[in-house]
Protein backbone atom coordinates (compact mmCIF):
# COMPACT_ATOMS: atom_id res chain seq x y z
CA MET A 1 249.70 206.28 141.65
CA ASP A 2 247.05 206.10 138.93
CA LYS A 3 245.79 209.63 139.72
CA LEU A 4 249.33 211.01 139.75
CA SER A 5 250.08 209.55 136.32
CA LYS A 6 246.86 211.08 134.93
CA VAL A 7 247.77 214.50 136.33
CA ILE A 8 251.27 214.24 134.82
CA LYS A 9 249.76 213.17 131.51
CA TYR A 10 247.36 216.18 131.49
CA ILE A 11 250.14 218.59 132.40
CA PHE A 12 252.26 217.20 129.58
CA VAL A 13 249.40 217.51 127.05
CA ILE A 14 248.63 221.10 128.13
CA ALA A 15 252.33 222.04 127.92
CA LEU A 16 252.58 220.47 124.45
CA ILE A 17 249.49 222.35 123.21
CA ALA A 18 250.82 225.62 124.65
CA PHE A 19 254.21 225.03 122.95
CA LEU A 20 252.59 224.28 119.57
CA ALA A 21 250.34 227.36 119.88
CA MET A 22 253.37 229.59 120.58
CA LEU A 23 255.25 228.04 117.67
CA PHE A 24 252.30 228.61 115.33
CA LEU A 25 251.98 232.24 116.47
CA ARG A 26 255.71 232.81 115.91
CA ILE A 27 255.47 231.39 112.37
CA CYS A 28 252.51 233.66 111.62
CA GLN A 29 254.41 236.68 112.90
CA SER A 30 257.44 236.12 110.71
CA ASP A 31 255.51 235.27 107.55
CA HIS A 32 253.41 238.42 107.23
CA LYS A 33 252.68 239.17 103.56
CA ALA A 34 251.81 242.84 103.97
CA LEU A 35 253.54 245.20 101.57
CA GLU A 36 254.82 242.32 99.46
CA ASP A 37 253.27 243.54 96.20
CA ILE A 38 254.42 246.55 94.22
CA LYS A 39 252.85 249.82 95.29
CA ILE A 40 251.82 251.71 92.16
CA THR A 41 252.71 255.35 92.85
CA ASP A 42 253.15 258.41 90.62
CA ASN A 43 256.93 257.89 90.75
CA PHE A 44 256.51 254.23 89.79
CA ILE A 45 254.31 255.18 86.81
CA LYS A 46 256.84 257.81 85.65
CA ALA A 47 259.67 255.27 85.96
CA TYR A 48 257.63 252.63 84.12
CA GLU A 49 257.02 255.06 81.24
CA LYS A 50 260.83 255.49 80.92
CA ASP A 51 261.71 251.82 81.45
CA SER A 52 259.11 249.06 81.45
CA ASP A 53 261.76 246.41 82.26
CA ILE A 54 260.93 245.75 85.91
CA ARG A 55 263.57 243.55 87.53
CA THR A 56 263.79 241.74 90.85
CA HIS A 57 266.11 239.45 92.79
CA ALA A 58 266.46 238.18 96.33
CA VAL A 59 267.84 240.71 98.77
CA ASN A 60 271.48 239.74 99.33
CA ASP A 61 271.65 239.87 103.10
CA GLY A 62 268.12 239.09 104.22
CA PHE A 63 268.90 240.25 107.75
CA SER A 64 271.19 242.94 109.13
CA GLU A 65 274.15 241.92 111.29
CA ASN A 66 272.13 242.16 114.51
CA GLY A 67 269.05 240.55 112.96
CA ALA A 68 266.89 243.57 113.67
CA VAL A 69 266.30 244.69 110.08
CA PHE A 70 264.97 242.52 107.26
CA ALA A 71 264.28 243.46 103.62
CA TYR A 72 262.31 241.77 100.86
CA SER A 73 260.13 242.44 97.78
CA LEU A 74 262.76 244.42 95.91
CA VAL A 75 261.93 245.66 92.41
CA TYR A 76 263.79 248.15 90.27
CA MET A 77 263.89 249.76 86.85
CA GLU A 78 267.53 250.34 86.06
CA ASP A 79 267.25 252.83 83.19
CA ALA A 80 264.74 254.92 85.16
CA GLY A 81 266.84 254.87 88.35
CA TYR A 82 263.92 253.58 90.40
CA LEU A 83 263.87 251.09 93.29
CA GLN A 84 261.12 249.90 95.64
CA VAL A 85 261.72 247.64 98.65
CA THR A 86 259.97 246.60 101.86
CA VAL A 87 261.91 246.74 105.12
CA ARG A 88 260.90 245.39 108.48
CA TYR A 89 262.36 245.89 111.92
CA ASN A 90 261.74 244.12 115.19
CA ILE A 91 260.06 246.43 117.70
CA ARG A 92 261.71 244.57 120.58
CA HIS A 93 265.09 245.60 119.17
CA MET A 94 264.02 249.22 119.54
CA ASP A 95 263.07 248.53 123.17
CA GLU A 96 266.67 247.43 123.76
CA VAL A 97 267.94 250.63 122.14
CA LYS A 98 265.61 252.70 124.36
CA GLU A 99 267.10 251.06 127.46
CA SER A 100 270.55 252.39 126.53
CA TYR A 101 269.31 255.70 125.07
CA PRO A 102 266.23 256.88 127.03
CA ASP A 103 265.65 259.90 124.73
CA PHE A 104 265.36 257.69 121.65
CA SER A 105 261.97 257.32 119.98
CA GLU A 106 260.90 255.47 116.86
CA GLU A 107 260.26 258.82 115.15
CA ASN A 108 264.08 259.20 115.09
CA ILE A 109 264.45 256.23 112.74
CA LYS A 110 265.11 256.95 109.10
CA TYR A 111 266.33 254.89 106.17
CA VAL A 112 268.85 255.88 103.53
CA LEU A 113 270.27 254.06 100.54
CA LYS A 114 274.00 254.33 99.80
CA ASP A 115 275.86 253.11 96.77
CA SER A 116 279.44 251.85 96.91
CA LYS A 117 280.67 255.25 95.76
CA GLY A 118 279.17 256.94 98.82
CA LYS A 119 276.19 258.63 97.15
CA VAL A 120 273.17 258.80 99.48
CA TYR A 121 269.51 258.50 98.43
CA GLU A 122 266.60 259.44 100.66
CA PRO A 123 263.44 257.35 100.34
CA LYS A 124 259.82 258.21 100.27
CA ILE A 125 257.79 256.01 102.62
CA ILE A 126 254.85 254.93 100.47
CA ASP A 127 253.20 252.50 102.87
CA GLU A 128 253.60 251.23 106.39
CA GLU A 129 252.06 248.71 108.71
CA ARG A 130 252.66 247.44 112.23
CA LYS A 131 251.88 243.81 113.01
CA TYR A 132 252.81 241.69 116.01
CA ASN A 133 256.43 242.50 116.92
CA TYR A 134 257.28 244.13 113.59
CA GLN A 135 257.09 247.51 111.87
CA TYR A 136 256.97 247.37 108.06
CA TYR A 137 257.80 250.15 105.59
CA LYS A 138 257.51 250.16 101.82
CA LEU A 139 260.27 252.48 100.59
CA GLU A 140 260.63 254.10 97.19
CA PHE A 141 263.92 255.51 95.85
CA THR A 142 264.19 257.61 92.71
CA ASP A 143 267.02 259.09 90.64
CA ILE A 144 269.50 256.34 91.46
CA ASP A 145 272.57 256.98 89.32
CA THR A 146 273.52 253.39 88.65
CA PHE A 147 272.82 249.82 89.63
CA ASP A 148 276.39 248.88 88.65
CA SER A 149 277.48 249.17 92.28
CA ASP A 150 276.46 247.69 95.60
CA LEU A 151 273.43 249.30 97.23
CA ARG A 152 272.96 249.25 101.00
CA ILE A 153 270.02 250.24 103.17
CA TYR A 154 271.07 252.05 106.34
CA MET A 155 268.64 252.17 109.23
CA VAL A 156 269.81 255.34 110.96
CA LEU A 157 268.79 255.61 114.59
CA GLY A 158 268.79 259.39 114.94
CA ASP A 159 271.86 260.73 116.75
CA ILE A 160 272.78 257.41 118.31
CA GLU A 161 276.46 256.56 118.14
CA GLU A 162 277.80 254.92 115.01
CA ASN A 163 278.55 251.46 116.51
CA VAL A 164 274.83 250.89 117.22
CA SER A 165 273.61 252.10 113.82
CA ALA A 166 276.37 250.23 111.98
CA LYS A 167 274.75 246.91 112.84
CA ASN A 168 271.56 247.99 111.05
CA ILE A 169 273.07 247.96 107.55
CA LEU A 170 271.72 245.65 104.88
CA VAL A 171 273.11 244.96 101.39
CA ILE A 172 270.05 244.86 99.16
CA HIS A 173 271.74 244.83 95.74
CA ARG A 174 275.15 243.86 94.42
CA HIS A 175 276.23 244.96 90.95
CA ASP A 176 276.77 241.39 89.82
CA ASP A 177 273.39 240.09 91.02
CA THR A 178 271.48 237.91 88.62
CA SER A 179 268.18 239.66 88.20
CA ILE A 180 265.00 238.25 86.75
CA PRO A 181 262.05 240.00 85.13
CA TYR A 182 259.27 240.87 87.55
CA GLU A 183 255.87 239.62 86.39
CA LEU A 184 253.15 242.14 87.11
CA SER A 185 250.04 240.69 88.74
CA SER A 186 246.67 241.35 87.12
CA SER A 187 245.82 243.94 89.80
CA GLU A 188 249.15 245.70 89.25
CA LYS A 189 248.56 245.73 85.48
CA LYS A 190 245.12 247.17 86.05
CA LEU A 191 246.53 249.99 88.19
CA LEU A 192 249.06 250.73 85.44
CA GLY A 193 246.30 250.73 82.84
CA LYS A 194 247.76 247.70 81.01
């Protein structure tokens, strides 16, 4: 019986270590800091010259309805009509879409921004990275008419029917959000020449 209890004890310890390792890996996957900082682009510099009041706030709905899309690191300059945000989607979610729609590929994915009046804004992808189970994009929107309405990111899955794409909508800004000034880091100031 003594040998059996030792074997059970070792199995339990190995299972516990494996569980903790998987938990640690999962935490690392979801806490990736890539594309968190502002990307200083020509459009950002032009917007900053018009309006140096950079604002930020938490994205309203961190995750889309189906949990596949997540957004963070939102900054905007209201008077310049400029917005920059990082979005992330779960690659495994796209695998599920491919099962139902075999012709679908990730190249079919595009993002648009819509205001509550129905105006659509196309982004420029200014950076991207793939890590673990996630694809990250840093998106830049220019010429936004107003921030006095709700703004939603739509992850459009090509020609896939509306009920699938509708679950990939994320409110990133509401007109009554309490915004706070964004503090530029020293590296960001350096890139802006400040």
